[in-house]
Amino acid sequence: MDLVKVYLIQSITTAANNLRLNPQQIEVVGLLRETIVNSNDLGSDLLQMKKTTELSKMAIRLGEIHSFLTHGKVDFVKISEQFREHSRYLIRDLNQFLENVSPKIYKEAFNKILGTSTSIDIELVDRSDLAGDIMDKDLSHKEMTNNSEEIPIKNKKVSAIDFEKKILSPIKSLDEILKKLPSGEVNDAELMQFYELMQDHATLASNHDYDLLAKMHEITSSALKAFMDKELIADKSMVDALRACLIVIAAVIKKKDVDITGYINRAEEFGKKYFNKNFRV
């Protein structure tokens, strides 16, 4: 991938990480990134996107950055400062863009440009290496430092670091428990421990206005309770769905630059199928 595409995608990713996105908005960001990656003539494609009402404003902003990188004088000594400036403007534009554009609208608008009904899809494949990378690695010192701002909760201030550490603390242990569930090696006392913990963390996430995190915890705690009550018998598909919940939680907290739409969809479908609740945020 050429450096211009890398720069644009990283700018979009940085802007998206500063917004609280729902699953549909995450998918739109994925589609936008895929458009850039797959373009054979990015300048021309951005020009075409400007002619489409739904995509025009975002295309104008991306076109300005593209022109700056390809035709302007780029000061590589100050590239970090320039990157921050571009990302700052993108945060505002991306937020407005995502409020008005759904995945369906994006695909239909882009299909008009292509003059075909061929749909644009983003990868929703569950990759075990991706799951392992998200689940196994702890927060780096840099990530912890960058997230040291304080978050209000019930008239008290709790640091983002403390919140992140608390939410992440049971993830690896619970992941191991889930892997052992189908074999019957897990007792009710262990399930009860994690059921209560995930309930508490669902409330904690909700109090911090992290709706997606709260929903992932709710789905997990509901399933653990159902396993204890013998209302559900754990099989591989159920375990995979619950592990998807954990992957989403870890990816959101660690702010991983990966597409987690597939995991979100899997978790939500599981929640609706077995608990007759709409867990969609």
Protein backbone atom coordinates (compact mmCIF):
# COMPACT_ATOMS: atom_id res chain seq x y z
CA MET A 1 0.00 0.00 0.00
CA ASP A 2 1.38 3.45 -0.89
CA LEU A 3 2.17 6.02 1.78
CA VAL A 4 -0.72 8.33 0.84
CA LYS A 5 -3.25 5.54 1.46
CA VAL A 6 -1.52 4.61 4.71
CA TYR A 7 -1.65 8.23 5.87
CA LEU A 8 -5.35 8.62 4.97
CA ILE A 9 -6.36 5.35 6.62
CA GLN A 10 -4.40 6.16 9.77
CA SER A 11 -6.00 9.62 9.89
CA ILE A 12 -9.47 8.09 9.61
CA THR A 13 -8.66 5.48 12.26
CA THR A 14 -7.33 8.11 14.66
CA ALA A 15 -10.45 10.24 14.15
CA ALA A 16 -12.74 7.22 14.64
CA ASN A 17 -10.97 6.28 17.88
CA ASN A 18 -11.98 9.65 19.30
CA LEU A 19 -15.67 8.92 18.69
CA ARG A 20 -18.03 6.52 20.42
CA LEU A 21 -19.28 4.50 17.50
CA ASN A 22 -22.12 2.02 17.33
CA PRO A 23 -21.79 -1.17 15.26
CA GLN A 24 -23.29 0.38 12.11
CA GLN A 25 -20.91 3.33 12.30
CA ILE A 26 -17.96 0.98 12.78
CA GLU A 27 -19.04 -0.81 9.61
CA VAL A 28 -19.22 2.47 7.67
CA VAL A 29 -15.69 3.34 8.80
CA GLY A 30 -14.61 -0.10 7.58
CA LEU A 31 -16.25 0.50 4.21
CA LEU A 32 -14.55 3.88 3.88
CA ARG A 33 -11.17 2.36 4.63
CA GLU A 34 -11.78 -0.50 2.19
CA THR A 35 -12.66 2.04 -0.51
CA ILE A 36 -9.30 3.71 -0.04
CA VAL A 37 -7.35 0.45 0.10
CA ASN A 38 -8.96 -1.00 -3.04
CA SER A 39 -8.83 2.18 -5.14
CA ASN A 40 -6.64 2.05 -8.25
CA ASP A 41 -6.87 5.81 -8.72
CA LEU A 42 -7.66 7.41 -5.40
CA GLY A 43 -7.67 10.99 -6.64
CA SER A 44 -10.21 10.16 -9.34
CA ASP A 45 -12.36 8.10 -6.98
CA LEU A 46 -12.47 10.91 -4.41
CA LEU A 47 -13.49 13.30 -7.18
CA GLN A 48 -16.37 10.99 -8.12
CA MET A 49 -17.40 10.67 -4.47
CA LYS A 50 -17.63 14.48 -4.23
CA LYS A 51 -20.41 14.37 -6.82
CA THR A 52 -22.57 12.14 -4.62
CA THR A 53 -24.60 13.95 -1.96
CA GLU A 54 -24.17 11.26 0.70
CA LEU A 55 -20.39 11.05 0.35
CA SER A 56 -19.48 14.55 -0.79
CA LYS A 57 -18.51 16.22 2.49
CA MET A 58 -16.21 13.41 3.60
CA ALA A 59 -14.79 13.13 0.09
CA ILE A 60 -13.99 16.86 0.08
CA ARG A 61 -12.04 16.55 3.35
CA LEU A 62 -10.18 13.44 2.21
CA GLY A 63 -9.55 15.08 -1.16
CA GLU A 64 -7.92 18.06 0.55
CA ILE A 65 -5.59 15.78 2.47
CA HIS A 66 -4.88 13.74 -0.67
CA SER A 67 -4.00 16.90 -2.62
CA PHE A 68 -1.81 18.10 0.22
CA LEU A 69 0.14 14.85 0.17
CA THR A 70 0.42 14.46 -3.59
CA HIS A 71 0.75 18.04 -4.82
CA GLY A 72 1.68 20.15 -1.83
CA LYS A 73 5.01 20.58 -0.08
CA VAL A 74 5.05 18.05 2.74
CA ASP A 75 7.35 18.92 5.61
CA PHE A 76 8.39 15.49 6.84
CA VAL A 77 10.07 17.07 9.86
CA LYS A 78 6.66 18.31 11.00
CA ILE A 79 4.65 15.34 9.69
CA SER A 80 3.43 14.37 13.18
CA GLU A 81 2.04 17.86 13.75
CA GLN A 82 0.41 17.85 10.33
CA PHE A 83 -1.08 14.42 11.01
CA ARG A 84 -2.63 15.63 14.27
CA GLU A 85 -4.10 18.66 12.52
CA HIS A 86 -5.67 16.57 9.76
CA SER A 87 -7.05 14.08 12.29
CA ARG A 88 -8.56 16.91 14.35
CA TYR A 89 -10.56 18.20 11.38
CA LEU A 90 -11.53 14.64 10.44
CA ILE A 91 -13.03 13.99 13.88
CA ARG A 92 -15.67 16.66 13.28
CA ASP A 93 -16.33 15.69 9.67
CA LEU A 94 -16.39 11.97 10.35
CA ASN A 95 -18.82 12.44 13.23
CA GLN A 96 -21.26 14.36 11.00
CA PHE A 97 -20.75 11.86 8.18
CA LEU A 98 -21.52 8.85 10.39
CA GLU A 99 -24.66 10.48 11.79
CA ASN A 100 -26.17 10.56 8.30
CA VAL A 101 -24.69 7.57 6.47
CA SER A 102 -25.52 3.93 7.22
CA PRO A 103 -23.77 0.94 5.59
CA LYS A 104 -26.73 0.58 3.21
CA ILE A 105 -26.62 4.26 2.22
CA TYR A 106 -22.83 4.09 1.72
CA LYS A 107 -23.04 1.02 -0.51
CA GLU A 108 -25.90 2.42 -2.58
CA ALA A 109 -24.10 5.74 -3.03
CA PHE A 110 -20.88 4.04 -4.08
CA ASN A 111 -22.73 1.71 -6.43
CA LYS A 112 -24.10 4.79 -8.21
CA ILE A 113 -20.52 5.89 -8.78
CA LEU A 114 -19.58 2.46 -10.11
CA GLY A 115 -22.70 2.32 -12.23
CA THR A 116 -23.30 -1.25 -11.05
CA SER A 117 -25.26 -3.12 -8.40
CA THR A 118 -22.17 -4.92 -7.14
CA SER A 119 -22.00 -4.54 -3.38
CA ILE A 120 -18.98 -3.55 -1.38
CA ASP A 121 -18.19 -5.88 1.49
CA ILE A 122 -15.73 -5.66 4.35
CA GLU A 123 -14.05 -8.64 5.92
CA LEU A 124 -16.01 -10.18 8.78
CA VAL A 125 -13.91 -13.33 9.07
CA ASP A 126 -13.03 -14.47 12.57
CA ARG A 127 -9.24 -14.68 12.50
CA SER A 128 -7.75 -16.56 15.42
CA ASP A 129 -4.48 -14.65 15.22
CA LEU A 130 -6.38 -11.36 15.51
CA ALA A 131 -8.36 -12.68 18.48
CA GLY A 132 -5.19 -13.83 20.18
CA ASP A 133 -3.45 -10.53 19.59
CA ILE A 134 -6.33 -8.58 21.14
CA MET A 135 -6.97 -10.96 24.02
CA ASP A 136 -3.43 -11.78 25.14
CA LYS A 137 -1.54 -8.51 25.12
CA ASP A 138 -1.77 -6.18 28.10
CA LEU A 139 -2.04 -2.41 27.75
CA SER A 140 1.33 -0.95 26.83
CA HIS A 141 2.90 1.85 28.83
CA LYS A 142 2.20 4.23 25.95
CA GLU A 143 -1.49 3.25 25.82
CA MET A 144 -1.80 3.68 29.58
CA THR A 145 -0.15 7.10 29.44
CA ASN A 146 -2.32 8.31 26.59
CA ASN A 147 -5.49 7.35 28.44
CA SER A 148 -4.84 8.99 31.78
CA GLU A 149 -7.71 11.49 31.58
CA GLU A 150 -10.35 11.36 34.29
CA ILE A 151 -13.89 10.12 33.68
CA PRO A 152 -16.82 11.25 35.86
CA ILE A 153 -18.91 8.57 37.54
CA LYS A 154 -21.60 9.17 40.15
CA ASN A 155 -20.15 12.51 41.31
CA LYS A 156 -16.65 11.03 41.61
CA LYS A 157 -13.73 11.11 39.22
CA VAL A 158 -12.20 7.79 38.23
CA SER A 159 -9.15 7.72 35.99
CA ALA A 160 -9.48 6.09 32.59
CA ILE A 161 -6.52 3.88 33.49
CA ASP A 162 -8.33 2.48 36.56
CA PHE A 163 -11.48 1.91 34.50
CA GLU A 164 -9.56 0.11 31.75
CA LYS A 165 -7.61 -2.05 34.19
CA LYS A 166 -10.80 -3.09 35.97
CA ILE A 167 -12.67 -3.94 32.78
CA LEU A 168 -9.73 -5.90 31.37
CA SER A 169 -8.83 -7.72 34.58
CA PRO A 170 -11.10 -10.79 34.14
CA ILE A 171 -10.91 -11.12 30.36
CA LYS A 172 -8.04 -13.61 30.00
CA SER A 173 -9.21 -15.77 32.92
CA LEU A 174 -12.79 -15.84 31.66
CA ASP A 175 -11.55 -16.70 28.18
CA GLU A 176 -9.84 -19.79 29.61
CA ILE A 177 -13.04 -20.72 31.47
CA LEU A 178 -15.07 -20.45 28.28
CA LYS A 179 -12.66 -22.72 26.42
CA LYS A 180 -13.18 -25.43 29.06
CA LEU A 181 -16.98 -25.13 29.23
CA PRO A 182 -17.92 -27.71 26.57
CA SER A 183 -15.83 -30.37 28.30
CA GLY A 184 -17.67 -29.89 31.61
CA GLU A 185 -14.50 -28.96 33.49
CA VAL A 186 -16.02 -25.76 34.94
CA ASN A 187 -18.05 -25.80 38.16
CA ASP A 188 -20.95 -23.54 39.14
CA ALA A 189 -18.85 -21.65 41.68
CA GLU A 190 -16.53 -20.48 38.92
CA LEU A 191 -19.45 -19.52 36.72
CA MET A 192 -21.08 -17.60 39.58
CA GLN A 193 -17.86 -15.67 40.23
CA PHE A 194 -17.64 -14.47 36.64
CA TYR A 195 -21.40 -13.96 36.32
CA GLU A 196 -21.36 -11.50 39.22
CA LEU A 197 -18.20 -9.83 37.96
CA MET A 198 -19.57 -9.31 34.45
CA GLN A 199 -22.80 -7.91 35.89
CA ASP A 200 -20.81 -5.40 37.96
CA HIS A 201 -18.71 -4.44 34.97
CA ALA A 202 -21.82 -4.00 32.79
CA THR A 203 -23.03 -1.42 35.31
CA LEU A 204 -19.59 0.19 35.44
CA ALA A 205 -19.41 0.46 31.64
CA SER A 206 -22.95 1.87 31.49
CA ASN A 207 -22.08 4.51 34.10
CA HIS A 208 -19.16 5.55 31.91
CA ASP A 209 -21.51 5.79 28.88
CA TYR A 210 -19.81 2.89 27.10
CA ASP A 211 -23.01 1.33 25.77
CA LEU A 212 -21.27 -1.22 23.55
CA LEU A 213 -19.10 -2.45 26.42
CA ALA A 214 -22.14 -2.65 28.69
CA LYS A 215 -24.04 -4.75 26.14
CA MET A 216 -21.14 -7.17 25.68
CA HIS A 217 -20.97 -7.66 29.45
CA GLU A 218 -24.76 -8.13 29.65
CA ILE A 219 -24.74 -10.83 26.99
CA THR A 220 -21.89 -12.65 28.72
CA SER A 221 -23.44 -12.50 32.19
CA SER A 222 -26.82 -13.65 30.84
CA ALA A 223 -25.18 -16.66 29.20
CA LEU A 224 -23.20 -17.60 32.32
CA LYS A 225 -26.41 -17.49 34.36
CA ALA A 226 -28.16 -19.70 31.79
CA PHE A 227 -25.30 -22.22 31.96
CA MET A 228 -25.55 -22.33 35.77
CA ASP A 229 -29.31 -22.83 35.62
CA LYS A 230 -28.90 -25.54 32.97
CA GLU A 231 -31.09 -23.53 30.62
CA LEU A 232 -28.30 -23.67 28.04
CA ILE A 233 -25.71 -26.35 27.39
CA ALA A 234 -22.44 -24.83 26.20
CA ASP A 235 -21.24 -25.91 22.78
CA LYS A 236 -18.54 -24.58 20.48
CA SER A 237 -20.81 -22.06 18.71
CA MET A 238 -21.94 -20.59 22.03
CA VAL A 239 -18.39 -20.40 23.32
CA ASP A 240 -17.28 -18.68 20.10
CA ALA A 241 -20.11 -16.13 20.48
CA LEU A 242 -19.13 -15.36 24.08
CA ARG A 243 -15.46 -15.14 23.15
CA ALA A 244 -16.55 -12.62 20.52
CA CYS A 245 -17.98 -10.53 23.38
CA LEU A 246 -14.62 -10.64 25.15
CA ILE A 247 -12.73 -9.74 21.99
CA VAL A 248 -14.96 -6.69 21.48
CA ILE A 249 -14.42 -5.60 25.09
CA ALA A 250 -10.64 -5.98 24.85
CA ALA A 251 -10.43 -4.27 21.45
CA VAL A 252 -12.51 -1.27 22.55
CA ILE A 253 -10.53 -0.79 25.77
CA LYS A 254 -7.15 -1.22 24.08
CA LYS A 255 -8.28 0.94 21.13
CA LYS A 256 -7.00 -1.62 18.65
CA ASP A 257 -6.90 -0.57 15.00
CA VAL A 258 -8.84 -3.63 13.78
CA ASP A 259 -12.26 -4.29 12.30
CA ILE A 260 -14.39 -5.91 15.06
CA THR A 261 -17.71 -5.65 13.24
CA GLY A 262 -17.90 -9.42 12.74
CA TYR A 263 -17.41 -10.07 16.44
CA ILE A 264 -20.07 -7.51 17.37
CA ASN A 265 -22.57 -9.04 14.97
CA ARG A 266 -21.90 -12.55 16.27
CA ALA A 267 -22.33 -11.48 19.89
CA GLU A 268 -25.55 -9.56 19.20
CA GLU A 269 -27.09 -12.42 17.23
CA PHE A 270 -26.33 -14.76 20.13
CA GLY A 271 -27.94 -12.36 22.62
CA LYS A 272 -31.12 -12.00 20.58
CA LYS A 273 -31.38 -15.71 19.78
CA TYR A 274 -31.13 -17.06 23.30
CA PHE A 275 -32.40 -14.28 25.54
CA ASN A 276 -35.06 -12.63 23.34
CA LYS A 277 -33.46 -9.28 24.00
CA ASN A 278 -32.25 -6.69 21.54
CA PHE A 279 -28.72 -6.03 22.69
CA ARG A 280 -27.99 -3.74 19.74
CA VAL A 281 -26.70 -0.32 20.79
